[in-house]
Every structure is written in C-alpha cells, then in structure tokens.
Amino acid sequence: MEDVILANRYVTALKRSLKDKETIEHTFNSLVTVITGIEADERLLKFLDNPVINVENKNKVLKSMVEETIKDTKVIQFFFLLVSKNRISLLPLIKEGMKRELLDLKNEIEVYVIAASKMENQNKDRFIQYLKSQLGKEIKANFTESNRYLGGFYAKVRHTVYDGTLDNSLNNLKLAFKN
C-alpha cells in the first residue's frame, strides 16, 4: 500500500509541475510509452533496479534510450529522479496512476465487469448509464465472462467494488440468518 501512495505522489507532483492539460496529456502519454518499453525489457529493468550500479551509469543508459524516442526534458528528468531515489520498482504503479490521470483529464473512468454469463447489450448499456449517473464521468467498460460465479456480475471501479453476484447474495442471506 505504501508503494501505491508513493507512486501517486510522484504522479501528482509531476502533474502539478506541468502547465496545462495539453502538456500533462503529452507528458503522461510519453511516460506511459517509455515505461511500457522499459517493462518489456527485463534486462533493462533489472539493470536500473540494481543497487550495485551507480546512478551515473544508470542515467547514461537511460538517457541514451530515452533521447532516441522522447525529446521532452521533463520526461528525462522524471526518470533521472526515479533512478536517483532508487524508485524504479514503482514504474508499474506510476504508469497506472498516469493512466488514471489521463482518463480523469477526459472525464472518463475505467470499469472492469465480470459477469457469470454473457450480458446482453441492453443490460450493459443500463449498467453503464447507472454508473455514469453515479460517478458523473464517461464510462470505459471492459466486460468479461467467468464461470467462477453462479449468476450476476462483479464490477470494479478504481477501489470500489459492486458485487451483484449470486454468491454474494447467498453469503449476505447466510449472515442475515446468523444474526
């Protein structure tokens, strides 16, 4: 949990240092792209996270890699900061935080829905409209099916869970009878 808080602080600090919505969007998209590239290269990730290798060598490698694709000095400085503070392990959490911020800039929110069976489009639309009215944002929904549940659905919106599964209803009924 501490890592999530720390990653969010880095994201917030960078966002505050940028001038406007367009700059934030450009910088965050650039960073998400670079972080994705770093995550894909396991050797580079281990190199950057290695405490034995000094910061200067890490920065040289990072600079040569980033300068080829990204010309934004804020992006390069941000990575140098993460390297100097030995925070490379936070990259996946920082990337997720930046993706959330990019969605917020567009007044959107991502929702993950797992249903026991294929949901009809009409039910999907109703659910999306309900969430839209509750959250006041455009909804980007990802629907999947799972035989893990007997019936109903399970939805996650950031840290809020909507558990409309039959399993949950039966557990609630069981708890009600115990009391």
Foldseek 3Di string as FASTA:
>chain_A
DVLLVVLLVLLVVLVVVDDDPVRLLVLLVLLLVVLVVCVVDPVLLCVLLPPVDDLVVNLVVVCVVSVVPDVDVSSSVSVSVCSVVSNSVSSVSNNVSSVQVNCVSVQEFEKEKEWQDDDDPVVVVVVQVVVCVVSVGHYDYDYYYDPPAPGDMWMDTPPDIDDPTPVVVVVVVVVVVVD
